[in-house]
């Protein structure tokens, strides 16, 4: 028996990074980049290394370039942690897994360390394959929690539910992580939004930088846990932008969310020290009349544009900075 799962890249449309702080967000999944996991029966359990897990290089310079692009970790630790968590979940639910071993491998086109949820895509695809292989059903509203636990509990990576929710549900989703709701039922309120209601979107990214979600979120969480009033208020503000955007989109006024994206970014800049090259991408977009914000933790932005002339201007102004621009194929 063989299984394959494909999970696409994510962009935070509004409200991020408040998802890990009892806030509200809107995210979209887009098909331009994907992580694919394949699993097939074999005598032993084996995680087959991908090119991103290689340990042999042509030169020191080749190794250095690879680390700058992909970081120090490939996907094996994520898959190993996902398999462990899946096994423990099944044990906790008294689900007996048949003694059938497997080999599992992955490939991913999601640019690394640019905040497009490549890690969670790999974990999600791994668990989906395991669910199919062992014929295990995990309720959709609970599955993001299991996926999140792989990184937060097993690997100590600070993260929120947003990426996992959108990669489980697909399309476009408004998420409310109200604290009372989360404490009561253990998961948020997830509302699927018709992608036809979204305004024209673009995504711009550069592969010569990226700080990684772990680095970006850790200090913020410490400040939030310490009760820093500025961080606490910022998270409420982000949630408010998401709620306003949701209401506009559902009212058929999706083209009006651009200014909220600008406010989301400006609020983020007010409390975080941002890489100037990330700020430069947003400012380039604004220079031609577009609206933009971070798609995730940095390295990529998502925005809205008025028409094809503005999109062409975006391409020109971004090209000058070595930045790629795409019209995302929103899943849905």
C-alpha atoms as a PDB file:
ATOM      1  CA  UNK A   1       0.000   0.000   0.000  1.00  0.00           C
ATOM      2  CA  UNK A   2       1.255   3.486  -0.856  1.00  0.00           C
ATOM      3  CA  UNK A   3      -0.017   6.898   0.246  1.00  0.00           C
ATOM      4  CA  UNK A   4       0.810  10.435  -0.826  1.00  0.00           C
ATOM      5  CA  UNK A   5      -0.227  13.772   0.652  1.00  0.00           C
ATOM      6  CA  UNK A   6       0.320  17.266  -0.724  1.00  0.00           C
ATOM      7  CA  UNK A   7       0.073  20.360   1.466  1.00  0.00           C
ATOM      8  CA  UNK A   8       0.437  23.878   0.106  1.00  0.00           C
ATOM      9  CA  UNK A   9       2.136  27.039   1.316  1.00  0.00           C
ATOM     10  CA  UNK A  10       0.324  29.490   3.580  1.00  0.00           C
ATOM     11  CA  UNK A  11       0.116  33.274   3.674  1.00  0.00           C
ATOM     12  CA  UNK A  12      -1.312  35.193   6.599  1.00  0.00           C
ATOM     13  CA  UNK A  13      -3.777  37.628   5.077  1.00  0.00           C
ATOM     14  CA  UNK A  14      -4.582  39.524   8.267  1.00  0.00           C
ATOM     15  CA  UNK A  15      -4.113  39.435  12.017  1.00  0.00           C
ATOM     16  CA  UNK A  16      -0.836  37.558  12.275  1.00  0.00           C
ATOM     17  CA  UNK A  17       1.068  37.066  14.498  1.00  0.00           C
ATOM     18  CA  UNK A  18      -1.790  37.084  17.030  1.00  0.00           C
ATOM     19  CA  UNK A  19      -2.791  33.450  16.523  1.00  0.00           C
ATOM     20  CA  UNK A  20      -0.442  32.278  19.263  1.00  0.00           C
ATOM     21  CA  UNK A  21      -1.753  34.946  21.622  1.00  0.00           C
ATOM     22  CA  UNK A  22      -5.518  34.294  21.689  1.00  0.00           C
ATOM     23  CA  UNK A  23      -6.079  36.628  18.750  1.00  0.00           C
ATOM     24  CA  UNK A  24      -7.789  36.376  15.366  1.00  0.00           C
ATOM     25  CA  UNK A  25      -6.336  35.811  11.912  1.00  0.00           C
ATOM     26  CA  UNK A  26      -7.269  35.212   8.290  1.00  0.00           C
ATOM     27  CA  UNK A  27      -5.064  32.950   6.192  1.00  0.00           C
ATOM     28  CA  UNK A  28      -5.035  31.661   2.638  1.00  0.00           C
ATOM     29  CA  UNK A  29      -3.490  28.537   1.171  1.00  0.00           C
ATOM     30  CA  UNK A  30      -1.919  28.851  -2.274  1.00  0.00           C
ATOM     31  CA  UNK A  31      -0.859  26.156  -4.724  1.00  0.00           C
ATOM     32  CA  UNK A  32       2.292  27.738  -6.132  1.00  0.00           C
ATOM     33  CA  UNK A  33       4.484  25.919  -3.596  1.00  0.00           C
ATOM     34  CA  UNK A  34       3.898  22.591  -1.895  1.00  0.00           C
ATOM     35  CA  UNK A  35       5.309  19.881   0.361  1.00  0.00           C
ATOM     36  CA  UNK A  36       4.658  16.313  -0.779  1.00  0.00           C
ATOM     37  CA  UNK A  37       5.085  13.233   1.378  1.00  0.00           C
ATOM     38  CA  UNK A  38       5.043   9.668   0.065  1.00  0.00           C
ATOM     39  CA  UNK A  39       4.709   6.588   2.262  1.00  0.00           C
ATOM     40  CA  UNK A  40       4.890   2.955   1.228  1.00  0.00           C
ATOM     41  CA  UNK A  41       5.087  -0.395   3.002  1.00  0.00           C
ATOM     42  CA  UNK A  42       8.566  -1.713   3.762  1.00  0.00           C
ATOM     43  CA  UNK A  43      10.281  -4.207   6.097  1.00  0.00           C
ATOM     44  CA  UNK A  44      11.473  -1.489   8.491  1.00  0.00           C
ATOM     45  CA  UNK A  45      10.441   2.039   9.387  1.00  0.00           C
ATOM     46  CA  UNK A  46      12.705   4.349   7.397  1.00  0.00           C
ATOM     47  CA  UNK A  47      12.728   8.106   6.833  1.00  0.00           C
ATOM     48  CA  UNK A  48      14.422   8.623   3.486  1.00  0.00           C
ATOM     49  CA  UNK A  49      16.570  11.790   3.396  1.00  0.00           C
ATOM     50  CA  UNK A  50      15.736  14.543   0.929  1.00  0.00           C
ATOM     51  CA  UNK A  51      18.207  16.851  -0.773  1.00  0.00           C
ATOM     52  CA  UNK A  52      17.547  19.307   2.082  1.00  0.00           C
ATOM     53  CA  UNK A  53      18.943  16.735   4.508  1.00  0.00           C
ATOM     54  CA  UNK A  54      22.208  16.132   2.685  1.00  0.00           C
ATOM     55  CA  UNK A  55      25.480  16.017   4.594  1.00  0.00           C
ATOM     56  CA  UNK A  56      27.881  15.800   1.640  1.00  0.00           C
ATOM     57  CA  UNK A  57      28.964  18.935  -0.221  1.00  0.00           C
ATOM     58  CA  UNK A  58      31.230  19.791  -3.131  1.00  0.00           C
ATOM     59  CA  UNK A  59      33.043  22.444  -1.095  1.00  0.00           C
ATOM     60  CA  UNK A  60      32.921  24.572   2.031  1.00  0.00           C
ATOM     61  CA  UNK A  61      31.324  27.294  -0.069  1.00  0.00           C
ATOM     62  CA  UNK A  62      28.608  24.874  -1.197  1.00  0.00           C
ATOM     63  CA  UNK A  63      27.897  23.946   2.429  1.00  0.00           C
ATOM     64  CA  UNK A  64      27.756  27.613   3.416  1.00  0.00           C
ATOM     65  CA  UNK A  65      25.327  28.448   0.602  1.00  0.00           C
ATOM     66  CA  UNK A  66      23.104  25.520   1.561  1.00  0.00           C
ATOM     67  CA  UNK A  67      22.963  26.567   5.222  1.00  0.00           C
ATOM     68  CA  UNK A  68      22.095  30.138   4.263  1.00  0.00           C
ATOM     69  CA  UNK A  69      19.239  28.896   2.103  1.00  0.00           C
ATOM     70  CA  UNK A  70      17.891  25.985   4.146  1.00  0.00           C
ATOM     71  CA  UNK A  71      19.206  26.501   7.667  1.00  0.00           C
ATOM     72  CA  UNK A  72      20.817  23.761   9.731  1.00  0.00           C
ATOM     73  CA  UNK A  73      17.842  21.402   9.731  1.00  0.00           C
ATOM     74  CA  UNK A  74      16.117  19.556   6.939  1.00  0.00           C
ATOM     75  CA  UNK A  75      12.852  17.695   7.236  1.00  0.00           C
ATOM     76  CA  UNK A  76      13.886  14.486   8.987  1.00  0.00           C
ATOM     77  CA  UNK A  77      13.474  15.827  12.526  1.00  0.00           C
ATOM     78  CA  UNK A  78       9.995  17.128  11.631  1.00  0.00           C
ATOM     79  CA  UNK A  79       8.920  13.800  10.178  1.00  0.00           C
ATOM     80  CA  UNK A  80      10.404  11.824  13.056  1.00  0.00           C
ATOM     81  CA  UNK A  81       8.593  14.030  15.579  1.00  0.00           C
ATOM     82  CA  UNK A  82       5.355  13.769  13.575  1.00  0.00           C
ATOM     83  CA  UNK A  83       5.497   9.969  13.555  1.00  0.00           C
ATOM     84  CA  UNK A  84       6.141   9.902  17.305  1.00  0.00           C
ATOM     85  CA  UNK A  85       3.244  12.259  18.048  1.00  0.00           C
ATOM     86  CA  UNK A  86       0.896  10.315  15.787  1.00  0.00           C
ATOM     87  CA  UNK A  87       1.801   7.089  17.563  1.00  0.00           C
ATOM     88  CA  UNK A  88       1.250   8.669  20.975  1.00  0.00           C
ATOM     89  CA  UNK A  89      -2.088  10.136  19.879  1.00  0.00           C
ATOM     90  CA  UNK A  90      -3.282   6.729  18.740  1.00  0.00           C
ATOM     91  CA  UNK A  91      -2.176   5.157  22.021  1.00  0.00           C
ATOM     92  CA  UNK A  92      -4.031   7.837  24.001  1.00  0.00           C
ATOM     93  CA  UNK A  93      -7.188   7.101  21.990  1.00  0.00           C
ATOM     94  CA  UNK A  94      -6.755   3.318  22.410  1.00  0.00           C
ATOM     95  CA  UNK A  95      -6.257   2.937  18.667  1.00  0.00           C
ATOM     96  CA  UNK A  96      -4.183  -0.175  17.992  1.00  0.00           C
ATOM     97  CA  UNK A  97      -1.914   0.314  14.996  1.00  0.00           C
ATOM     98  CA  UNK A  98      -1.283  -2.824  12.937  1.00  0.00           C
ATOM     99  CA  UNK A  99       2.324  -3.983  12.761  1.00  0.00           C
ATOM    100  CA  UNK A 100       2.991  -2.693   9.286  1.00  0.00           C
ATOM    101  CA  UNK A 101       6.218  -0.817   8.731  1.00  0.00           C
ATOM    102  CA  UNK A 102       6.852   1.797   6.089  1.00  0.00           C
ATOM    103  CA  UNK A 103       9.341   4.018   4.354  1.00  0.00           C
ATOM    104  CA  UNK A 104       8.527   7.692   4.082  1.00  0.00           C
ATOM    105  CA  UNK A 105      10.076  10.417   1.965  1.00  0.00           C
ATOM    106  CA  UNK A 106       9.368  14.048   1.141  1.00  0.00           C
ATOM    107  CA  UNK A 107      10.043  16.776  -1.356  1.00  0.00           C
ATOM    108  CA  UNK A 108       9.180  20.422  -1.017  1.00  0.00           C
ATOM    109  CA  UNK A 109       9.158  23.482  -3.244  1.00  0.00           C
ATOM    110  CA  UNK A 110       8.143  25.840  -0.428  1.00  0.00           C
ATOM    111  CA  UNK A 111      10.971  28.380  -0.045  1.00  0.00           C
ATOM    112  CA  UNK A 112      12.677  27.833   3.293  1.00  0.00           C
ATOM    113  CA  UNK A 113      12.798  30.326   6.167  1.00  0.00           C
ATOM    114  CA  UNK A 114      10.534  32.873   4.491  1.00  0.00           C
ATOM    115  CA  UNK A 115       7.472  32.506   6.700  1.00  0.00           C
ATOM    116  CA  UNK A 116       5.401  30.493   4.197  1.00  0.00           C
ATOM    117  CA  UNK A 117       4.767  27.576   6.583  1.00  0.00           C
ATOM    118  CA  UNK A 118       7.028  25.024   4.939  1.00  0.00           C
ATOM    119  CA  UNK A 119       7.684  23.179   8.212  1.00  0.00           C
ATOM    120  CA  UNK A 120       4.030  22.815   9.168  1.00  0.00           C
ATOM    121  CA  UNK A 121       3.208  21.754   5.600  1.00  0.00           C
ATOM    122  CA  UNK A 122       5.661  18.880   5.915  1.00  0.00           C
ATOM    123  CA  UNK A 123       4.279  17.830   9.305  1.00  0.00           C
ATOM    124  CA  UNK A 124       0.690  18.044   8.050  1.00  0.00           C
ATOM    125  CA  UNK A 125       1.462  15.964   4.974  1.00  0.00           C
ATOM    126  CA  UNK A 126       3.273  13.370   7.099  1.00  0.00           C
ATOM    127  CA  UNK A 127       0.365  12.948   9.496  1.00  0.00           C
ATOM    128  CA  UNK A 128      -2.135  12.781   6.629  1.00  0.00           C
ATOM    129  CA  UNK A 129      -0.145   9.920   5.112  1.00  0.00           C
ATOM    130  CA  UNK A 130      -0.044   8.115   8.451  1.00  0.00           C
ATOM    131  CA  UNK A 131      -3.792   8.574   8.887  1.00  0.00           C
ATOM    132  CA  UNK A 132      -4.446   7.035   5.487  1.00  0.00           C
ATOM    133  CA  UNK A 133      -1.914   4.229   5.882  1.00  0.00           C
ATOM    134  CA  UNK A 134      -3.272   3.122   9.237  1.00  0.00           C
ATOM    135  CA  UNK A 135      -6.902   4.076   8.500  1.00  0.00           C
ATOM    136  CA  UNK A 136      -7.099   6.459  11.455  1.00  0.00           C
ATOM    137  CA  UNK A 137      -9.641   9.281  11.508  1.00  0.00           C
ATOM    138  CA  UNK A 138      -8.774  12.421  13.465  1.00  0.00           C
ATOM    139  CA  UNK A 139     -11.541  15.078  13.657  1.00  0.00           C
ATOM    140  CA  UNK A 140     -10.693  18.023  11.419  1.00  0.00           C
ATOM    141  CA  UNK A 141     -11.076  20.623  14.183  1.00  0.00           C
ATOM    142  CA  UNK A 142      -8.623  18.684  16.412  1.00  0.00           C
ATOM    143  CA  UNK A 143      -6.039  17.795  13.786  1.00  0.00           C
ATOM    144  CA  UNK A 144      -4.320  21.239  13.830  1.00  0.00           C
ATOM    145  CA  UNK A 145      -3.672  20.812  17.570  1.00  0.00           C
ATOM    146  CA  UNK A 146      -1.866  17.525  16.996  1.00  0.00           C
ATOM    147  CA  UNK A 147       0.170  19.029  14.161  1.00  0.00           C
ATOM    148  CA  UNK A 148       1.123  22.026  16.303  1.00  0.00           C
ATOM    149  CA  UNK A 149       2.239  19.780  19.172  1.00  0.00           C
ATOM    150  CA  UNK A 150       4.860  18.225  16.902  1.00  0.00           C
ATOM    151  CA  UNK A 151       6.788  21.490  16.790  1.00  0.00           C
ATOM    152  CA  UNK A 152       5.932  23.027  20.157  1.00  0.00           C
ATOM    153  CA  UNK A 153       6.120  19.947  22.389  1.00  0.00           C
ATOM    154  CA  UNK A 154       8.590  17.725  20.579  1.00  0.00           C
ATOM    155  CA  UNK A 155      10.944  20.285  19.051  1.00  0.00           C
ATOM    156  CA  UNK A 156      10.498  23.324  21.285  1.00  0.00           C
ATOM    157  CA  UNK A 157       9.613  25.658  18.417  1.00  0.00           C
ATOM    158  CA  UNK A 158       7.347  28.587  19.290  1.00  0.00           C
ATOM    159  CA  UNK A 159       4.359  28.587  16.947  1.00  0.00           C
ATOM    160  CA  UNK A 160       0.608  29.110  16.770  1.00  0.00           C
ATOM    161  CA  UNK A 161      -2.342  27.253  15.325  1.00  0.00           C
ATOM    162  CA  UNK A 162      -2.867  29.480  12.279  1.00  0.00           C
ATOM    163  CA  UNK A 163      -0.625  27.592   9.836  1.00  0.00           C
ATOM    164  CA  UNK A 164      -1.967  24.212  10.861  1.00  0.00           C
ATOM    165  CA  UNK A 165      -5.606  25.269  10.663  1.00  0.00           C
ATOM    166  CA  UNK A 166      -5.345  26.654   7.136  1.00  0.00           C
ATOM    167  CA  UNK A 167      -3.299  23.669   5.957  1.00  0.00           C
ATOM    168  CA  UNK A 168      -5.967  21.310   7.292  1.00  0.00           C
ATOM    169  CA  UNK A 169      -9.001  23.284   6.098  1.00  0.00           C
ATOM    170  CA  UNK A 170      -7.599  24.777   2.871  1.00  0.00           C
ATOM    171  CA  UNK A 171      -8.841  27.811   0.941  1.00  0.00           C
ATOM    172  CA  UNK A 172      -9.325  30.887   3.108  1.00  0.00           C
ATOM    173  CA  UNK A 173     -10.215  30.695   6.810  1.00  0.00           C
ATOM    174  CA  UNK A 174     -11.043  33.237   9.495  1.00  0.00           C
ATOM    175  CA  UNK A 175      -9.816  31.983  12.866  1.00  0.00           C
ATOM    176  CA  UNK A 176     -10.851  33.173  16.303  1.00  0.00           C
ATOM    177  CA  UNK A 177      -8.602  31.960  19.122  1.00  0.00           C
ATOM    178  CA  UNK A 178     -10.509  33.665  21.929  1.00  0.00           C
ATOM    179  CA  UNK A 179      -8.968  32.624  25.247  1.00  0.00           C
ATOM    180  CA  UNK A 180     -12.217  31.602  26.931  1.00  0.00           C
ATOM    181  CA  UNK A 181     -13.162  29.551  23.877  1.00  0.00           C
ATOM    182  CA  UNK A 182      -9.747  27.892  23.712  1.00  0.00           C
ATOM    183  CA  UNK A 183      -9.769  27.085  27.425  1.00  0.00           C
ATOM    184  CA  UNK A 184     -13.274  25.623  27.197  1.00  0.00           C
ATOM    185  CA  UNK A 185     -12.971  23.430  24.093  1.00  0.00           C
ATOM    186  CA  UNK A 186      -9.268  23.318  23.277  1.00  0.00           C
ATOM    187  CA  UNK A 187      -9.557  24.774  19.783  1.00  0.00           C
ATOM    188  CA  UNK A 188     -10.769  27.963  18.121  1.00  0.00           C
ATOM    189  CA  UNK A 189     -13.648  28.943  15.895  1.00  0.00           C
ATOM    190  CA  UNK A 190     -12.769  28.326  12.271  1.00  0.00           C
ATOM    191  CA  UNK A 191     -14.903  29.947   9.577  1.00  0.00           C
ATOM    192  CA  UNK A 192     -14.285  29.113   5.934  1.00  0.00           C
ATOM    193  CA  UNK A 193     -14.494  32.075   3.544  1.00  0.00           C
ATOM    194  CA  UNK A 194     -15.377  31.831  -0.146  1.00  0.00           C
ATOM    195  CA  UNK A 195     -12.120  32.597  -1.972  1.00  0.00           C
ATOM    196  CA  UNK A 196     -14.122  34.259  -4.767  1.00  0.00           C
ATOM    197  CA  UNK A 197     -14.729  37.133  -2.343  1.00  0.00           C
ATOM    198  CA  UNK A 198     -11.022  37.918  -1.962  1.00  0.00           C
ATOM    199  CA  UNK A 199      -9.459  40.951  -3.648  1.00  0.00           C
ATOM    200  CA  UNK A 200      -6.631  40.589  -6.209  1.00  0.00           C
ATOM    201  CA  UNK A 201      -3.635  39.330  -4.237  1.00  0.00           C
ATOM    202  CA  UNK A 202       0.101  39.214  -4.829  1.00  0.00           C
ATOM    203  CA  UNK A 203       2.907  37.563  -2.951  1.00  0.00           C
ATOM    204  CA  UNK A 204       6.483  38.808  -3.108  1.00  0.00           C
ATOM    205  CA  UNK A 205       9.476  37.053  -1.625  1.00  0.00           C
ATOM    206  CA  UNK A 206      13.222  37.024  -1.633  1.00  0.00           C
ATOM    207  CA  UNK A 207      15.346  33.969  -1.011  1.00  0.00           C
ATOM    208  CA  UNK A 208      18.412  35.811   0.247  1.00  0.00           C
ATOM    209  CA  UNK A 209      17.010  36.306   3.721  1.00  0.00           C
ATOM    210  CA  UNK A 210      14.760  34.709   6.255  1.00  0.00           C
ATOM    211  CA  UNK A 211      15.081  34.426   9.995  1.00  0.00           C
ATOM    212  CA  UNK A 212      12.929  31.410  10.769  1.00  0.00           C
ATOM    213  CA  UNK A 213       9.794  31.374  12.865  1.00  0.00           C
ATOM    214  CA  UNK A 214      11.636  30.079  15.929  1.00  0.00           C
ATOM    215  CA  UNK A 215      13.870  33.132  16.092  1.00  0.00           C
ATOM    216  CA  UNK A 216      11.151  35.597  15.271  1.00  0.00           C
ATOM    217  CA  UNK A 217       8.537  34.564  17.822  1.00  0.00           C
ATOM    218  CA  UNK A 218      10.525  33.646  20.927  1.00  0.00           C
ATOM    219  CA  UNK A 219      11.270  37.115  22.314  1.00  0.00           C
ATOM    220  CA  UNK A 220       7.731  38.250  21.596  1.00  0.00           C
ATOM    221  CA  UNK A 221       6.300  35.408  23.631  1.00  0.00           C
ATOM    222  CA  UNK A 222       8.539  36.216  26.557  1.00  0.00           C
ATOM    223  CA  UNK A 223       7.356  39.814  26.521  1.00  0.00           C
ATOM    224  CA  UNK A 224       3.723  38.744  26.190  1.00  0.00           C
ATOM    225  CA  UNK A 225       3.993  36.266  29.064  1.00  0.00           C
ATOM    226  CA  UNK A 226       5.638  38.956  31.170  1.00  0.00           C
ATOM    227  CA  UNK A 227       2.580  41.169  30.613  1.00  0.00           C
ATOM    228  CA  UNK A 228       4.272  43.783  28.436  1.00  0.00           C
ATOM    229  CA  UNK A 229       1.366  46.205  27.858  1.00  0.00           C
ATOM    230  CA  UNK A 230       2.544  47.249  24.401  1.00  0.00           C
ATOM    231  CA  UNK A 231       2.738  43.659  23.163  1.00  0.00           C
ATOM    232  CA  UNK A 232      -0.602  42.777  24.769  1.00  0.00           C
ATOM    233  CA  UNK A 233      -2.288  45.756  23.086  1.00  0.00           C
ATOM    234  CA  UNK A 234      -0.645  45.000  19.748  1.00  0.00           C
ATOM    235  CA  UNK A 235      -2.076  41.476  19.771  1.00  0.00           C
ATOM    236  CA  UNK A 236      -5.549  42.913  20.395  1.00  0.00           C
ATOM    237  CA  UNK A 237      -5.019  45.342  17.525  1.00  0.00           C
ATOM    238  CA  UNK A 238      -3.973  42.561  15.134  1.00  0.00           C
ATOM    239  CA  UNK A 239      -7.082  40.600  16.084  1.00  0.00           C
ATOM    240  CA  UNK A 240      -9.209  43.683  15.435  1.00  0.00           C
ATOM    241  CA  UNK A 241      -7.787  44.086  11.930  1.00  0.00           C
ATOM    242  CA  UNK A 242      -8.663  40.459  11.166  1.00  0.00           C
ATOM    243  CA  UNK A 243     -12.227  40.902  12.393  1.00  0.00           C
ATOM    244  CA  UNK A 244     -12.674  44.071  10.317  1.00  0.00           C
ATOM    245  CA  UNK A 245     -11.244  42.389   7.226  1.00  0.00           C
ATOM    246  CA  UNK A 246     -13.491  39.360   7.692  1.00  0.00           C
ATOM    247  CA  UNK A 247     -16.566  41.582   7.905  1.00  0.00           C
ATOM    248  CA  UNK A 248     -15.574  43.529   4.788  1.00  0.00           C
ATOM    249  CA  UNK A 249     -14.863  40.390   2.759  1.00  0.00           C
ATOM    250  CA  UNK A 250     -18.157  38.739   3.689  1.00  0.00           C
ATOM    251  CA  UNK A 251     -19.978  41.966   2.829  1.00  0.00           C
ATOM    252  CA  UNK A 252     -18.542  41.806  -0.697  1.00  0.00           C
ATOM    253  CA  UNK A 253     -16.092  44.631   0.010  1.00  0.00           C
ATOM    254  CA  UNK A 254     -12.873  42.645  -0.127  1.00  0.00           C
ATOM    255  CA  UNK A 255     -11.100  45.299  -2.185  1.00  0.00           C
ATOM    256  CA  UNK A 256     -11.321  47.602   0.841  1.00  0.00           C
ATOM    257  CA  UNK A 257      -9.056  45.547   3.126  1.00  0.00           C
ATOM    258  CA  UNK A 258      -5.817  47.077   1.780  1.00  0.00           C
ATOM    259  CA  UNK A 259      -5.557  49.858   4.377  1.00  0.00           C
ATOM    260  CA  UNK A 260      -6.027  47.264   7.126  1.00  0.00           C
ATOM    261  CA  UNK A 261      -3.036  45.367   5.738  1.00  0.00           C
ATOM    262  CA  UNK A 262      -1.010  48.576   5.985  1.00  0.00           C
ATOM    263  CA  UNK A 263      -2.116  49.048   9.586  1.00  0.00           C
ATOM    264  CA  UNK A 264      -1.250  45.432  10.395  1.00  0.00           C
ATOM    265  CA  UNK A 265       2.282  45.957   9.099  1.00  0.00           C
ATOM    266  CA  UNK A 266       2.767  49.356  10.730  1.00  0.00           C
ATOM    267  CA  UNK A 267       1.625  47.975  14.076  1.00  0.00           C
ATOM    268  CA  UNK A 268       4.056  45.110  13.725  1.00  0.00           C
ATOM    269  CA  UNK A 269       6.867  47.502  12.941  1.00  0.00           C
ATOM    270  CA  UNK A 270       6.013  49.520  16.056  1.00  0.00           C
ATOM    271  CA  UNK A 271       6.893  46.681  18.433  1.00  0.00           C
ATOM    272  CA  UNK A 272       9.378  44.492  16.530  1.00  0.00           C
ATOM    273  CA  UNK A 273      12.844  45.140  15.219  1.00  0.00           C
ATOM    274  CA  UNK A 274      12.437  44.135  11.590  1.00  0.00           C
ATOM    275  CA  UNK A 275      15.057  43.292   9.006  1.00  0.00           C
ATOM    276  CA  UNK A 276      15.393  46.398   6.799  1.00  0.00           C
ATOM    277  CA  UNK A 277      15.215  44.223   3.683  1.00  0.00           C
ATOM    278  CA  UNK A 278      11.801  42.941   4.767  1.00  0.00           C
ATOM    279  CA  UNK A 279      10.628  46.497   5.355  1.00  0.00           C
ATOM    280  CA  UNK A 280      12.002  47.403   1.934  1.00  0.00           C
ATOM    281  CA  UNK A 281       9.654  44.928   0.226  1.00  0.00           C
ATOM    282  CA  UNK A 282       6.613  46.532   1.839  1.00  0.00           C
ATOM    283  CA  UNK A 283       7.805  50.022   1.021  1.00  0.00           C
ATOM    284  CA  UNK A 284       8.411  49.078  -2.609  1.00  0.00           C
ATOM    285  CA  UNK A 285       4.842  47.773  -2.825  1.00  0.00           C
ATOM    286  CA  UNK A 286       3.493  50.964  -1.291  1.00  0.00           C
ATOM    287  CA  UNK A 287       5.508  53.079  -3.726  1.00  0.00           C
ATOM    288  CA  UNK A 288       3.269  51.943  -6.595  1.00  0.00           C
ATOM    289  CA  UNK A 289       0.017  52.264  -4.638  1.00  0.00           C
ATOM    290  CA  UNK A 290      -0.332  48.663  -3.454  1.00  0.00           C
ATOM    291  CA  UNK A 291      -1.001  47.550   0.126  1.00  0.00           C
ATOM    292  CA  UNK A 292       1.133  44.892   1.831  1.00  0.00           C
ATOM    293  CA  UNK A 293       2.078  43.129   5.046  1.00  0.00           C
ATOM    294  CA  UNK A 294       4.183  40.154   6.139  1.00  0.00           C
ATOM    295  CA  UNK A 295       2.875  36.804   4.928  1.00  0.00           C
ATOM    296  CA  UNK A 296       4.404  35.165   7.980  1.00  0.00           C
ATOM    297  CA  UNK A 297       7.527  35.672  10.054  1.00  0.00           C
ATOM    298  CA  UNK A 298       9.508  37.590   7.445  1.00  0.00           C
ATOM    299  CA  UNK A 299      11.045  37.162   4.011  1.00  0.00           C
ATOM    300  CA  UNK A 300       7.738  37.204   2.129  1.00  0.00           C
ATOM    301  CA  UNK A 301       4.860  39.657   1.924  1.00  0.00           C
ATOM    302  CA  UNK A 302       1.255  39.453   0.782  1.00  0.00           C
ATOM    303  CA  UNK A 303      -0.700  42.384  -0.559  1.00  0.00           C
ATOM    304  CA  UNK A 304      -3.483  43.720  -2.726  1.00  0.00           C
ATOM    305  CA  UNK A 305      -3.298  45.689  -5.963  1.00  0.00           C
ATOM    306  CA  UNK A 306      -5.886  47.645  -7.918  1.00  0.00           C
ATOM    307  CA  UNK A 307      -5.420  46.428 -11.504  1.00  0.00           C
ATOM    308  CA  UNK A 308      -3.018  44.878 -14.004  1.00  0.00           C
ATOM    309  CA  UNK A 309      -1.167  48.152 -14.520  1.00  0.00           C
ATOM    310  CA  UNK A 310      -0.378  48.298 -10.810  1.00  0.00           C
ATOM    311  CA  UNK A 311       0.669  44.641 -10.832  1.00  0.00           C
ATOM    312  CA  UNK A 312       3.048  45.312 -13.730  1.00  0.00           C
ATOM    313  CA  UNK A 313       4.482  48.235 -11.760  1.00  0.00           C
ATOM    314  CA  UNK A 314       4.914  45.905  -8.780  1.00  0.00           C
ATOM    315  CA  UNK A 315       6.911  43.484 -10.869  1.00  0.00           C
ATOM    316  CA  UNK A 316       9.181  46.260 -12.093  1.00  0.00           C
ATOM    317  CA  UNK A 317       9.842  47.811  -8.710  1.00  0.00           C
ATOM    318  CA  UNK A 318      10.430  44.449  -7.059  1.00  0.00           C
ATOM    319  CA  UNK A 319      12.678  43.177  -9.848  1.00  0.00           C
ATOM    320  CA  UNK A 320      15.053  46.047  -9.148  1.00  0.00           C
ATOM    321  CA  UNK A 321      15.517  44.628  -5.637  1.00  0.00           C
ATOM    322  CA  UNK A 322      15.885  41.004  -6.700  1.00  0.00           C
ATOM    323  CA  UNK A 323      12.412  40.145  -5.403  1.00  0.00           C
ATOM    324  CA  UNK A 324      10.053  37.660  -7.054  1.00  0.00           C
ATOM    325  CA  UNK A 325       6.343  38.478  -7.420  1.00  0.00           C
ATOM    326  CA  UNK A 326       3.494  36.057  -8.123  1.00  0.00           C
ATOM    327  CA  UNK A 327      -0.291  36.066  -8.317  1.00  0.00           C
ATOM    328  CA  UNK A 328      -0.994  33.234  -5.882  1.00  0.00           C
ATOM    329  CA  UNK A 329      -3.229  30.380  -6.986  1.00  0.00           C
ATOM    330  CA  UNK A 330      -5.389  30.423  -3.874  1.00  0.00           C
ATOM    331  CA  UNK A 331      -6.526  26.948  -2.942  1.00  0.00           C
ATOM    332  CA  UNK A 332     -10.269  26.572  -2.981  1.00  0.00           C
END
